Amino acid sequence: MKQRLLILISLIMCACCLSGCGKEQSLPDDGFKLYYLNKDENKLVTTDYEVKSDNVTEQITEVLDAVNQVSDKINCVNAMPESVKIQDWTLKEQNLTISFSLEYLNMKKTREIMCRAALVLTLSQIQGVDYVTFNVGQEPLKDSIGEPVGVMKAADFVDSSGSSINTYQNVDLILYFGSESGDRLVEKNDNGIYSENISMERYVLDKLIKGPDKSGLVRTIPANTKIISVSTKDGICYVNLDSSFLAEAVDVSDEVEIYSIVNSLCELTTVNKVQFSINGETDKKLHNTFELSGTFSRNLDLLDDKEKEVE
C-alpha cells in the first residue's frame, strides 16, 4: 500500500512538472509594446501588441516576426531596414543572441543604435529574456571604435527617470583618463551617440564612470559611484556624487582623479568651473586629504602629451 502511494505521488509530481514546462509566460502588466522608430529615425515610438504564444520560445519567434512586419502605425518605421534579415537566434541562461545578415552593417550610426534600442526594449519584455546580444554574420557586433558591443539589457536604453530613450545625436568629446603610472592625465577623443534625455554633463560623467575602453588608460572614478545630480549655472557645473566616490580607491593620484572630471567637463562650452559635493555636502575631503570645497578650473599641467590617445 505504502509503495503504491509513493508511486502515485511520483506520477502526480511528474504531471505537475510537465504542465509547468508549457505554462503561460507572464507579460508586462501594462501590456506588451512593440518599439518602432519615427520617420526621422531619431525617436522611439510604441504600439500595443497582443502576444498570442504561451511559452518563451514561441514568444521570441512571434515577436521577432512581428518587428519584421511593416508597421501600419502612422509616421513610424520598423527598427530594422527591410534589407536586414535575422539569420537565427539562440536563448541561453536568459541571454538572447540574435544573428543578423551583413546588411546590418550598412545602417547609419544613429539608425543602428536606435534599432538596437528598439529590439532590446521589445524583446526584454518577454519573461526569460533578460539580456540581448547581437551578432552580424558569425561575428559579434562592434561599436564605432571596433570594440564588441556585448550583452545589452533594457536599462541600457532608459534614462535615470525610467523613460525610454528619445532623441539621439552624434557627439565628439574629449575625455581625460589616468595614465598607466596613475600620476598623469591622458586625453582621449571619444565619439558616441548622445541621448537628449540626459544632460551633456551627465553623459560625460557616465562615460568616465564606465571607464576607458582602451588599454594603457586607467579609470579615474570608482565604478560603483552614483551620480545624485549634475547641473550647470553661470558656467559652474555642480557635481553631486554619492559617498562611493570617497570610499573606494582607484589606481591614480587624488589630483588625477579630480581633474579627470574637471578637465572633461570643462571641454563642454557651457562649463568653466566645477564644484563638487558628496551627498549634498561641499566640505568633504577625497581620501581624507584632498580638499573638495570651492571650485576647480581646468588644469592641463597634469596632461601627459606623450601618452595622448587619438582615435
C-alpha atoms as a PDB file:
ATOM      1  CA  MET A   1       0.000   0.000   0.000  1.00  0.00           C
ATOM      2  CA  LYS A   2       2.744   2.409   1.002  1.00  0.00           C
ATOM      3  CA  GLN A   3       4.650   1.598  -2.205  1.00  0.00           C
ATOM      4  CA  ARG A   4       1.549   2.286  -4.346  1.00  0.00           C
ATOM      5  CA  LEU A   5       1.075   5.618  -2.576  1.00  0.00           C
ATOM      6  CA  LEU A   6       4.668   6.637  -3.326  1.00  0.00           C
ATOM      7  CA  ILE A   7       4.234   5.715  -6.987  1.00  0.00           C
ATOM      8  CA  LEU A   8       1.023   7.750  -7.164  1.00  0.00           C
ATOM      9  CA  ILE A   9       2.719  10.801  -5.581  1.00  0.00           C
ATOM     10  CA  SER A  10       5.612  10.486  -8.038  1.00  0.00           C
ATOM     11  CA  LEU A  11       3.228  10.364 -11.001  1.00  0.00           C
ATOM     12  CA  ILE A  12       1.398  13.448  -9.756  1.00  0.00           C
ATOM     13  CA  MET A  13       4.694  15.344  -9.317  1.00  0.00           C
ATOM     14  CA  CYS A  14       5.803  14.381 -12.825  1.00  0.00           C
ATOM     15  CA  ALA A  15       2.499  15.580 -14.243  1.00  0.00           C
ATOM     16  CA  CYS A  16       2.896  18.895 -12.443  1.00  0.00           C
ATOM     17  CA  CYS A  17       6.433  19.317 -13.785  1.00  0.00           C
ATOM     18  CA  LEU A  18       5.305  18.551 -17.340  1.00  0.00           C
ATOM     19  CA  SER A  19       2.431  21.011 -17.148  1.00  0.00           C
ATOM     20  CA  GLY A  20       4.802  23.636 -15.715  1.00  0.00           C
ATOM     21  CA  CYS A  21       7.087  23.398 -18.756  1.00  0.00           C
ATOM     22  CA  GLY A  22       4.321  24.591 -21.011  1.00  0.00           C
ATOM     23  CA  LYS A  23       2.727  27.133 -18.686  1.00  0.00           C
ATOM     24  CA  GLU A  24       1.992  30.601 -19.929  1.00  0.00           C
ATOM     25  CA  GLN A  25       4.817  33.122 -19.582  1.00  0.00           C
ATOM     26  CA  SER A  26       3.753  36.305 -17.835  1.00  0.00           C
ATOM     27  CA  LEU A  27       3.964  39.584 -19.754  1.00  0.00           C
ATOM     28  CA  PRO A  28       4.172  43.238 -18.607  1.00  0.00           C
ATOM     29  CA  ASP A  29       1.194  44.376 -16.526  1.00  0.00           C
ATOM     30  CA  ASP A  30       0.601  47.392 -18.755  1.00  0.00           C
ATOM     31  CA  GLY A  31       0.617  45.287 -21.916  1.00  0.00           C
ATOM     32  CA  PHE A  32       3.264  44.317 -24.424  1.00  0.00           C
ATOM     33  CA  LYS A  33       4.751  47.077 -26.580  1.00  0.00           C
ATOM     34  CA  LEU A  34       6.457  46.889 -29.952  1.00  0.00           C
ATOM     35  CA  TYR A  35       9.073  49.605 -30.394  1.00  0.00           C
ATOM     36  CA  TYR A  36       9.398  51.430 -33.711  1.00  0.00           C
ATOM     37  CA  LEU A  37      11.260  54.493 -34.985  1.00  0.00           C
ATOM     38  CA  ASN A  38       9.685  57.780 -36.002  1.00  0.00           C
ATOM     39  CA  LYS A  39      10.013  58.936 -39.613  1.00  0.00           C
ATOM     40  CA  ASP A  40      13.186  60.913 -38.788  1.00  0.00           C
ATOM     41  CA  GLU A  41      14.680  57.766 -37.239  1.00  0.00           C
ATOM     42  CA  ASN A  42      15.797  59.614 -34.106  1.00  0.00           C
ATOM     43  CA  LYS A  43      12.996  58.760 -31.662  1.00  0.00           C
ATOM     44  CA  LEU A  44      11.304  55.616 -30.427  1.00  0.00           C
ATOM     45  CA  VAL A  45       7.552  55.182 -30.596  1.00  0.00           C
ATOM     46  CA  THR A  46       5.485  52.254 -29.384  1.00  0.00           C
ATOM     47  CA  THR A  47       2.354  50.419 -30.334  1.00  0.00           C
ATOM     48  CA  ASP A  48       0.379  47.899 -28.300  1.00  0.00           C
ATOM     49  CA  TYR A  49       0.767  44.275 -29.301  1.00  0.00           C
ATOM     50  CA  GLU A  50      -1.053  41.170 -28.118  1.00  0.00           C
ATOM     51  CA  VAL A  51       1.332  38.230 -27.755  1.00  0.00           C
ATOM     52  CA  LYS A  52      -0.547  35.062 -28.652  1.00  0.00           C
ATOM     53  CA  SER A  53       2.104  32.436 -27.824  1.00  0.00           C
ATOM     54  CA  ASP A  54       2.305  30.984 -24.328  1.00  0.00           C
ATOM     55  CA  ASN A  55       5.948  29.927 -23.860  1.00  0.00           C
ATOM     56  CA  VAL A  56       9.217  31.782 -24.146  1.00  0.00           C
ATOM     57  CA  THR A  57      10.494  30.078 -27.313  1.00  0.00           C
ATOM     58  CA  GLU A  58       7.290  30.667 -29.234  1.00  0.00           C
ATOM     59  CA  GLN A  59       7.026  34.226 -27.906  1.00  0.00           C
ATOM     60  CA  ILE A  60      10.524  35.104 -29.166  1.00  0.00           C
ATOM     61  CA  THR A  61       9.718  33.685 -32.604  1.00  0.00           C
ATOM     62  CA  GLU A  62       6.398  35.539 -32.706  1.00  0.00           C
ATOM     63  CA  VAL A  63       7.822  38.878 -31.572  1.00  0.00           C
ATOM     64  CA  LEU A  64      10.804  38.725 -33.948  1.00  0.00           C
ATOM     65  CA  ASP A  65       8.354  38.085 -36.768  1.00  0.00           C
ATOM     66  CA  ALA A  66       6.176  40.969 -35.587  1.00  0.00           C
ATOM     67  CA  VAL A  67       9.027  43.503 -35.539  1.00  0.00           C
ATOM     68  CA  ASN A  68       9.832  42.487 -39.115  1.00  0.00           C
ATOM     69  CA  GLN A  69       6.338  43.344 -40.310  1.00  0.00           C
ATOM     70  CA  VAL A  70       5.720  46.747 -41.845  1.00  0.00           C
ATOM     71  CA  SER A  71       4.071  48.917 -39.223  1.00  0.00           C
ATOM     72  CA  ASP A  72       0.644  50.294 -40.038  1.00  0.00           C
ATOM     73  CA  LYS A  73       1.141  52.997 -37.431  1.00  0.00           C
ATOM     74  CA  ILE A  74       1.225  56.474 -38.959  1.00  0.00           C
ATOM     75  CA  ASN A  75       4.624  58.214 -39.149  1.00  0.00           C
ATOM     76  CA  CYS A  76       6.787  55.354 -37.912  1.00  0.00           C
ATOM     77  CA  VAL A  77       9.122  52.816 -39.473  1.00  0.00           C
ATOM     78  CA  ASN A  78      10.408  49.420 -38.445  1.00  0.00           C
ATOM     79  CA  ALA A  79      13.514  49.269 -36.278  1.00  0.00           C
ATOM     80  CA  MET A  80      15.320  47.160 -38.892  1.00  0.00           C
ATOM     81  CA  PRO A  81      15.555  48.124 -42.567  1.00  0.00           C
ATOM     82  CA  GLU A  82      13.912  45.601 -44.895  1.00  0.00           C
ATOM     83  CA  SER A  83      17.335  44.602 -46.236  1.00  0.00           C
ATOM     84  CA  VAL A  84      18.437  43.307 -42.802  1.00  0.00           C
ATOM     85  CA  LYS A  85      17.478  39.713 -42.100  1.00  0.00           C
ATOM     86  CA  ILE A  86      17.541  37.724 -38.871  1.00  0.00           C
ATOM     87  CA  GLN A  87      19.503  34.576 -39.696  1.00  0.00           C
ATOM     88  CA  ASP A  88      18.980  32.738 -36.418  1.00  0.00           C
ATOM     89  CA  TRP A  89      18.763  33.179 -32.662  1.00  0.00           C
ATOM     90  CA  THR A  90      19.571  31.231 -29.502  1.00  0.00           C
ATOM     91  CA  LEU A  91      18.476  31.628 -25.888  1.00  0.00           C
ATOM     92  CA  LYS A  92      20.832  30.510 -23.139  1.00  0.00           C
ATOM     93  CA  GLU A  93      20.627  31.479 -19.462  1.00  0.00           C
ATOM     94  CA  GLN A  94      18.278  34.416 -20.146  1.00  0.00           C
ATOM     95  CA  ASN A  95      20.649  35.795 -22.832  1.00  0.00           C
ATOM     96  CA  LEU A  96      19.061  36.014 -26.285  1.00  0.00           C
ATOM     97  CA  THR A  97      21.688  36.073 -29.051  1.00  0.00           C
ATOM     98  CA  ILE A  98      20.447  37.234 -32.461  1.00  0.00           C
ATOM     99  CA  SER A  99      22.478  36.836 -35.663  1.00  0.00           C
ATOM    100  CA  PHE A 100      21.792  39.362 -38.423  1.00  0.00           C
ATOM    101  CA  SER A 101      22.760  39.387 -42.081  1.00  0.00           C
ATOM    102  CA  LEU A 102      25.715  41.512 -43.189  1.00  0.00           C
ATOM    103  CA  GLU A 103      23.343  44.232 -44.418  1.00  0.00           C
ATOM    104  CA  TYR A 104      23.059  45.251 -40.749  1.00  0.00           C
ATOM    105  CA  LEU A 105      26.430  46.997 -41.125  1.00  0.00           C
ATOM    106  CA  ASN A 106      25.044  49.333 -43.798  1.00  0.00           C
ATOM    107  CA  MET A 107      22.854  51.223 -41.350  1.00  0.00           C
ATOM    108  CA  LYS A 108      23.734  54.791 -40.420  1.00  0.00           C
ATOM    109  CA  LYS A 109      25.155  55.102 -36.917  1.00  0.00           C
ATOM    110  CA  THR A 110      22.081  56.787 -35.435  1.00  0.00           C
ATOM    111  CA  ARG A 111      19.706  54.306 -37.103  1.00  0.00           C
ATOM    112  CA  GLU A 112      21.786  51.379 -35.864  1.00  0.00           C
ATOM    113  CA  ILE A 113      21.717  52.366 -32.208  1.00  0.00           C
ATOM    114  CA  MET A 114      18.010  53.149 -32.404  1.00  0.00           C
ATOM    115  CA  CYS A 115      17.498  49.699 -33.927  1.00  0.00           C
ATOM    116  CA  ARG A 116      19.416  48.209 -31.025  1.00  0.00           C
ATOM    117  CA  ALA A 117      17.327  50.106 -28.504  1.00  0.00           C
ATOM    118  CA  ALA A 118      14.015  49.181 -30.123  1.00  0.00           C
ATOM    119  CA  LEU A 119      14.813  45.459 -30.317  1.00  0.00           C
ATOM    120  CA  VAL A 120      16.257  45.195 -26.813  1.00  0.00           C
ATOM    121  CA  LEU A 121      13.364  47.097 -25.233  1.00  0.00           C
ATOM    122  CA  THR A 122      10.864  44.982 -27.158  1.00  0.00           C
ATOM    123  CA  LEU A 123      12.379  41.551 -26.542  1.00  0.00           C
ATOM    124  CA  SER A 124      13.314  42.072 -22.893  1.00  0.00           C
ATOM    125  CA  GLN A 125       9.607  42.304 -22.046  1.00  0.00           C
ATOM    126  CA  ILE A 126       9.457  38.536 -22.543  1.00  0.00           C
ATOM    127  CA  GLN A 127       9.905  36.700 -19.261  1.00  0.00           C
ATOM    128  CA  GLY A 128      13.073  34.645 -19.592  1.00  0.00           C
ATOM    129  CA  VAL A 129      14.862  37.230 -21.758  1.00  0.00           C
ATOM    130  CA  ASP A 130      16.974  39.450 -19.512  1.00  0.00           C
ATOM    131  CA  TYR A 131      19.827  40.187 -21.907  1.00  0.00           C
ATOM    132  CA  VAL A 132      20.253  40.512 -25.666  1.00  0.00           C
ATOM    133  CA  THR A 133      23.425  40.085 -27.735  1.00  0.00           C
ATOM    134  CA  PHE A 134      23.815  40.951 -31.423  1.00  0.00           C
ATOM    135  CA  ASN A 135      25.963  39.126 -33.939  1.00  0.00           C
ATOM    136  CA  VAL A 136      26.445  40.160 -37.553  1.00  0.00           C
ATOM    137  CA  GLY A 137      27.112  37.081 -39.617  1.00  0.00           C
ATOM    138  CA  GLN A 138      29.173  34.988 -37.235  1.00  0.00           C
ATOM    139  CA  GLU A 139      30.953  37.914 -35.577  1.00  0.00           C
ATOM    140  CA  PRO A 140      29.896  39.950 -32.514  1.00  0.00           C
ATOM    141  CA  LEU A 141      28.528  43.398 -33.326  1.00  0.00           C
ATOM    142  CA  LYS A 142      31.214  46.066 -32.815  1.00  0.00           C
ATOM    143  CA  ASP A 143      30.853  49.731 -31.912  1.00  0.00           C
ATOM    144  CA  SER A 144      32.331  52.748 -33.725  1.00  0.00           C
ATOM    145  CA  ILE A 145      35.810  52.124 -32.312  1.00  0.00           C
ATOM    146  CA  GLY A 146      35.875  48.428 -33.105  1.00  0.00           C
ATOM    147  CA  GLU A 147      35.052  47.077 -29.646  1.00  0.00           C
ATOM    148  CA  PRO A 148      32.358  44.385 -29.187  1.00  0.00           C
ATOM    149  CA  VAL A 149      29.057  45.902 -28.059  1.00  0.00           C
ATOM    150  CA  GLY A 150      28.496  42.839 -25.879  1.00  0.00           C
ATOM    151  CA  VAL A 151      25.494  41.992 -23.745  1.00  0.00           C
ATOM    152  CA  MET A 152      22.696  44.585 -23.625  1.00  0.00           C
ATOM    153  CA  LYS A 153      19.748  44.997 -21.267  1.00  0.00           C
ATOM    154  CA  ALA A 154      16.705  47.244 -21.213  1.00  0.00           C
ATOM    155  CA  ALA A 155      18.247  49.521 -18.580  1.00  0.00           C
ATOM    156  CA  ASP A 156      20.980  50.457 -21.065  1.00  0.00           C
ATOM    157  CA  PHE A 157      18.370  52.307 -23.115  1.00  0.00           C
ATOM    158  CA  VAL A 158      16.446  54.226 -20.478  1.00  0.00           C
ATOM    159  CA  ASP A 159      17.330  57.416 -18.648  1.00  0.00           C
ATOM    160  CA  SER A 160      17.552  57.910 -14.895  1.00  0.00           C
ATOM    161  CA  SER A 161      13.806  58.570 -14.644  1.00  0.00           C
ATOM    162  CA  GLY A 162      12.987  55.236 -16.266  1.00  0.00           C
ATOM    163  CA  SER A 163      11.779  56.754 -19.552  1.00  0.00           C
ATOM    164  CA  SER A 164      12.870  55.115 -22.783  1.00  0.00           C
ATOM    165  CA  ILE A 165      15.378  56.905 -24.956  1.00  0.00           C
ATOM    166  CA  ASN A 166      14.108  59.735 -27.074  1.00  0.00           C
ATOM    167  CA  THR A 167      16.258  61.742 -29.499  1.00  0.00           C
ATOM    168  CA  TYR A 168      19.852  60.805 -30.299  1.00  0.00           C
ATOM    169  CA  GLN A 169      22.679  62.671 -31.952  1.00  0.00           C
ATOM    170  CA  ASN A 170      26.334  62.048 -32.710  1.00  0.00           C
ATOM    171  CA  VAL A 171      28.734  63.729 -30.315  1.00  0.00           C
ATOM    172  CA  ASP A 172      32.507  64.152 -30.251  1.00  0.00           C
ATOM    173  CA  LEU A 173      34.064  64.609 -26.817  1.00  0.00           C
ATOM    174  CA  ILE A 174      37.458  64.940 -25.210  1.00  0.00           C
ATOM    175  CA  LEU A 175      37.695  62.884 -22.023  1.00  0.00           C
ATOM    176  CA  TYR A 176      40.571  62.591 -19.572  1.00  0.00           C
ATOM    177  CA  PHE A 177      41.611  59.278 -18.028  1.00  0.00           C
ATOM    178  CA  GLY A 178      44.624  58.256 -15.968  1.00  0.00           C
ATOM    179  CA  SER A 179      47.990  57.207 -17.363  1.00  0.00           C
ATOM    180  CA  GLU A 180      49.359  53.755 -16.566  1.00  0.00           C
ATOM    181  CA  SER A 181      51.583  55.334 -13.924  1.00  0.00           C
ATOM    182  CA  GLY A 182      48.489  56.905 -12.330  1.00  0.00           C
ATOM    183  CA  ASP A 183      50.074  60.335 -11.858  1.00  0.00           C
ATOM    184  CA  ARG A 184      49.228  61.936 -15.216  1.00  0.00           C
ATOM    185  CA  LEU A 185      46.152  62.595 -17.324  1.00  0.00           C
ATOM    186  CA  VAL A 186      45.725  61.209 -20.832  1.00  0.00           C
ATOM    187  CA  GLU A 187      43.484  62.998 -23.319  1.00  0.00           C
ATOM    188  CA  LYS A 188      41.144  60.706 -25.239  1.00  0.00           C
ATOM    189  CA  ASN A 189      38.980  61.602 -28.221  1.00  0.00           C
ATOM    190  CA  ASP A 190      35.597  59.947 -27.856  1.00  0.00           C
ATOM    191  CA  ASN A 191      32.833  59.607 -30.423  1.00  0.00           C
ATOM    192  CA  GLY A 192      29.454  58.309 -29.369  1.00  0.00           C
ATOM    193  CA  ILE A 193      25.697  58.580 -29.590  1.00  0.00           C
ATOM    194  CA  TYR A 194      24.182  61.000 -27.111  1.00  0.00           C
ATOM    195  CA  SER A 195      20.616  60.768 -25.835  1.00  0.00           C
ATOM    196  CA  GLU A 196      18.922  64.111 -25.322  1.00  0.00           C
ATOM    197  CA  ASN A 197      17.009  62.550 -22.408  1.00  0.00           C
ATOM    198  CA  ILE A 198      20.001  63.406 -20.232  1.00  0.00           C
ATOM    199  CA  SER A 199      22.272  66.430 -19.919  1.00  0.00           C
ATOM    200  CA  MET A 200      25.614  66.505 -21.685  1.00  0.00           C
ATOM    201  CA  GLU A 201      27.297  66.906 -18.284  1.00  0.00           C
ATOM    202  CA  ARG A 202      25.759  63.677 -17.051  1.00  0.00           C
ATOM    203  CA  TYR A 203      26.731  61.953 -20.272  1.00  0.00           C
ATOM    204  CA  VAL A 204      30.371  62.929 -19.658  1.00  0.00           C
ATOM    205  CA  LEU A 205      30.248  61.664 -16.075  1.00  0.00           C
ATOM    206  CA  ASP A 206      28.615  58.404 -17.184  1.00  0.00           C
ATOM    207  CA  LYS A 207      31.439  57.913 -19.687  1.00  0.00           C
ATOM    208  CA  LEU A 208      34.077  58.493 -17.010  1.00  0.00           C
ATOM    209  CA  ILE A 209      32.388  56.134 -14.548  1.00  0.00           C
ATOM    210  CA  LYS A 210      32.148  53.472 -17.242  1.00  0.00           C
ATOM    211  CA  GLY A 211      35.909  53.756 -17.633  1.00  0.00           C
ATOM    212  CA  PRO A 212      38.258  53.634 -20.626  1.00  0.00           C
ATOM    213  CA  ASP A 213      37.787  51.105 -23.404  1.00  0.00           C
ATOM    214  CA  LYS A 214      41.435  51.094 -24.480  1.00  0.00           C
ATOM    215  CA  SER A 215      44.479  49.522 -22.862  1.00  0.00           C
ATOM    216  CA  GLY A 216      47.044  51.943 -21.487  1.00  0.00           C
ATOM    217  CA  LEU A 217      44.358  54.118 -19.905  1.00  0.00           C
ATOM    218  CA  VAL A 218      43.263  53.863 -16.263  1.00  0.00           C
ATOM    219  CA  ARG A 219      39.824  54.577 -14.804  1.00  0.00           C
ATOM    220  CA  THR A 220      39.691  57.647 -12.579  1.00  0.00           C
ATOM    221  CA  ILE A 221      36.304  57.212 -10.885  1.00  0.00           C
ATOM    222  CA  PRO A 222      35.226  54.173  -8.837  1.00  0.00           C
ATOM    223  CA  ALA A 223      32.877  52.016 -10.915  1.00  0.00           C
ATOM    224  CA  ASN A 224      30.179  51.988  -8.198  1.00  0.00           C
ATOM    225  CA  THR A 225      29.966  55.779  -7.953  1.00  0.00           C
ATOM    226  CA  LYS A 226      26.408  57.090  -8.260  1.00  0.00           C
ATOM    227  CA  ILE A 227      25.539  60.476  -9.728  1.00  0.00           C
ATOM    228  CA  ILE A 228      22.999  62.112  -7.422  1.00  0.00           C
ATOM    229  CA  SER A 229      22.712  65.241  -9.545  1.00  0.00           C
ATOM    230  CA  VAL A 230      24.641  67.360 -12.008  1.00  0.00           C
ATOM    231  CA  SER A 231      23.699  70.806 -13.292  1.00  0.00           C
ATOM    232  CA  THR A 232      25.364  73.887 -14.731  1.00  0.00           C
ATOM    233  CA  LYS A 233      24.592  77.515 -13.931  1.00  0.00           C
ATOM    234  CA  ASP A 234      26.577  80.599 -14.938  1.00  0.00           C
ATOM    235  CA  GLY A 235      29.463  78.463 -16.155  1.00  0.00           C
ATOM    236  CA  ILE A 236      29.785  76.433 -12.935  1.00  0.00           C
ATOM    237  CA  CYS A 237      28.972  72.721 -13.112  1.00  0.00           C
ATOM    238  CA  TYR A 238      27.681  71.402  -9.785  1.00  0.00           C
ATOM    239  CA  VAL A 239      28.522  67.697  -9.416  1.00  0.00           C
ATOM    240  CA  ASN A 240      26.851  65.849  -6.545  1.00  0.00           C
ATOM    241  CA  LEU A 241      28.107  62.262  -6.092  1.00  0.00           C
ATOM    242  CA  ASP A 242      27.383  59.602  -3.503  1.00  0.00           C
ATOM    243  CA  SER A 243      29.892  58.511  -0.845  1.00  0.00           C
ATOM    244  CA  SER A 244      31.245  55.677  -3.029  1.00  0.00           C
ATOM    245  CA  PHE A 245      33.356  58.339  -4.720  1.00  0.00           C
ATOM    246  CA  LEU A 246      35.206  58.888  -1.437  1.00  0.00           C
ATOM    247  CA  ALA A 247      35.146  55.354  -0.050  1.00  0.00           C
ATOM    248  CA  GLU A 248      36.534  53.374  -2.983  1.00  0.00           C
ATOM    249  CA  ALA A 249      40.068  53.690  -4.311  1.00  0.00           C
ATOM    250  CA  VAL A 250      41.275  53.901  -7.912  1.00  0.00           C
ATOM    251  CA  ASP A 251      44.834  53.475  -9.204  1.00  0.00           C
ATOM    252  CA  VAL A 252      45.501  57.168  -9.772  1.00  0.00           C
ATOM    253  CA  SER A 253      46.545  60.114  -7.633  1.00  0.00           C
ATOM    254  CA  ASP A 254      43.946  62.332  -5.980  1.00  0.00           C
ATOM    255  CA  GLU A 255      44.741  65.181  -8.383  1.00  0.00           C
ATOM    256  CA  VAL A 256      44.325  62.955 -11.420  1.00  0.00           C
ATOM    257  CA  GLU A 257      41.015  61.659 -10.052  1.00  0.00           C
ATOM    258  CA  ILE A 258      39.603  65.152  -9.575  1.00  0.00           C
ATOM    259  CA  TYR A 259      40.985  66.810 -12.689  1.00  0.00           C
ATOM    260  CA  SER A 260      39.886  63.922 -14.854  1.00  0.00           C
ATOM    261  CA  ILE A 261      36.351  65.075 -14.066  1.00  0.00           C
ATOM    262  CA  VAL A 262      37.101  68.809 -14.101  1.00  0.00           C
ATOM    263  CA  ASN A 263      39.002  68.810 -17.386  1.00  0.00           C
ATOM    264  CA  SER A 264      36.461  66.554 -19.124  1.00  0.00           C
ATOM    265  CA  LEU A 265      33.534  68.757 -18.065  1.00  0.00           C
ATOM    266  CA  CYS A 266      35.411  71.961 -18.931  1.00  0.00           C
ATOM    267  CA  GLU A 267      35.711  70.711 -22.517  1.00  0.00           C
ATOM    268  CA  LEU A 268      31.980  71.479 -22.780  1.00  0.00           C
ATOM    269  CA  THR A 269      31.300  75.007 -23.990  1.00  0.00           C
ATOM    270  CA  THR A 270      28.881  75.623 -21.112  1.00  0.00           C
ATOM    271  CA  VAL A 271      31.327  74.766 -18.297  1.00  0.00           C
ATOM    272  CA  ASN A 272      34.190  76.895 -16.967  1.00  0.00           C
ATOM    273  CA  LYS A 273      34.471  75.562 -13.413  1.00  0.00           C
ATOM    274  CA  VAL A 274      33.343  72.565 -11.369  1.00  0.00           C
ATOM    275  CA  GLN A 275      32.110  72.382  -7.791  1.00  0.00           C
ATOM    276  CA  PHE A 276      31.874  69.023  -6.015  1.00  0.00           C
ATOM    277  CA  SER A 277      29.573  67.837  -3.278  1.00  0.00           C
ATOM    278  CA  ILE A 278      29.134  64.439  -1.678  1.00  0.00           C
ATOM    279  CA  ASN A 279      25.545  63.598  -0.762  1.00  0.00           C
ATOM    280  CA  GLY A 280      24.883  67.342  -0.973  1.00  0.00           C
ATOM    281  CA  GLU A 281      27.752  68.353   1.341  1.00  0.00           C
ATOM    282  CA  THR A 282      30.580  70.504  -0.046  1.00  0.00           C
ATOM    283  CA  ASP A 283      33.014  70.282   2.888  1.00  0.00           C
ATOM    284  CA  LYS A 284      34.360  66.779   2.175  1.00  0.00           C
ATOM    285  CA  LYS A 285      37.894  65.554   1.507  1.00  0.00           C
ATOM    286  CA  LEU A 286      38.924  62.917  -1.005  1.00  0.00           C
ATOM    287  CA  HIS A 287      40.715  60.109   0.857  1.00  0.00           C
ATOM    288  CA  ASN A 288      40.756  62.420   3.902  1.00  0.00           C
ATOM    289  CA  THR A 289      43.483  64.564   2.340  1.00  0.00           C
ATOM    290  CA  PHE A 290      42.363  66.325  -0.852  1.00  0.00           C
ATOM    291  CA  GLU A 291      40.043  69.248  -0.122  1.00  0.00           C
ATOM    292  CA  LEU A 292      36.936  69.293  -2.313  1.00  0.00           C
ATOM    293  CA  SER A 293      35.453  72.618  -1.188  1.00  0.00           C
ATOM    294  CA  GLY A 294      35.487  75.549  -3.591  1.00  0.00           C
ATOM    295  CA  THR A 295      35.501  75.453  -7.376  1.00  0.00           C
ATOM    296  CA  PHE A 296      38.008  73.833  -9.721  1.00  0.00           C
ATOM    297  CA  SER A 297      39.181  75.140 -13.089  1.00  0.00           C
ATOM    298  CA  ARG A 298      40.797  73.259 -15.959  1.00  0.00           C
ATOM    299  CA  ASN A 299      44.344  72.043 -15.157  1.00  0.00           C
ATOM    300  CA  LEU A 300      46.414  70.995 -18.157  1.00  0.00           C
ATOM    301  CA  ASP A 301      49.662  70.778 -16.190  1.00  0.00           C
ATOM    302  CA  LEU A 302      48.777  67.144 -15.414  1.00  0.00           C
ATOM    303  CA  LEU A 303      48.430  66.250 -19.083  1.00  0.00           C
ATOM    304  CA  ASP A 304      50.927  63.722 -20.428  1.00  0.00           C
ATOM    305  CA  ASP A 305      51.311  64.771 -24.058  1.00  0.00           C
ATOM    306  CA  LYS A 306      53.422  61.712 -24.864  1.00  0.00           C
ATOM    307  CA  GLU A 307      50.515  59.441 -23.969  1.00  0.00           C
ATOM    308  CA  LYS A 308      47.794  61.421 -25.718  1.00  0.00           C
ATOM    309  CA  GLU A 309      45.318  58.914 -27.115  1.00  0.00           C
ATOM    310  CA  VAL A 310      43.865  59.632 -30.535  1.00  0.00           C
ATOM    311  CA  GLU A 311      41.194  57.542 -32.195  1.00  0.00           C
END
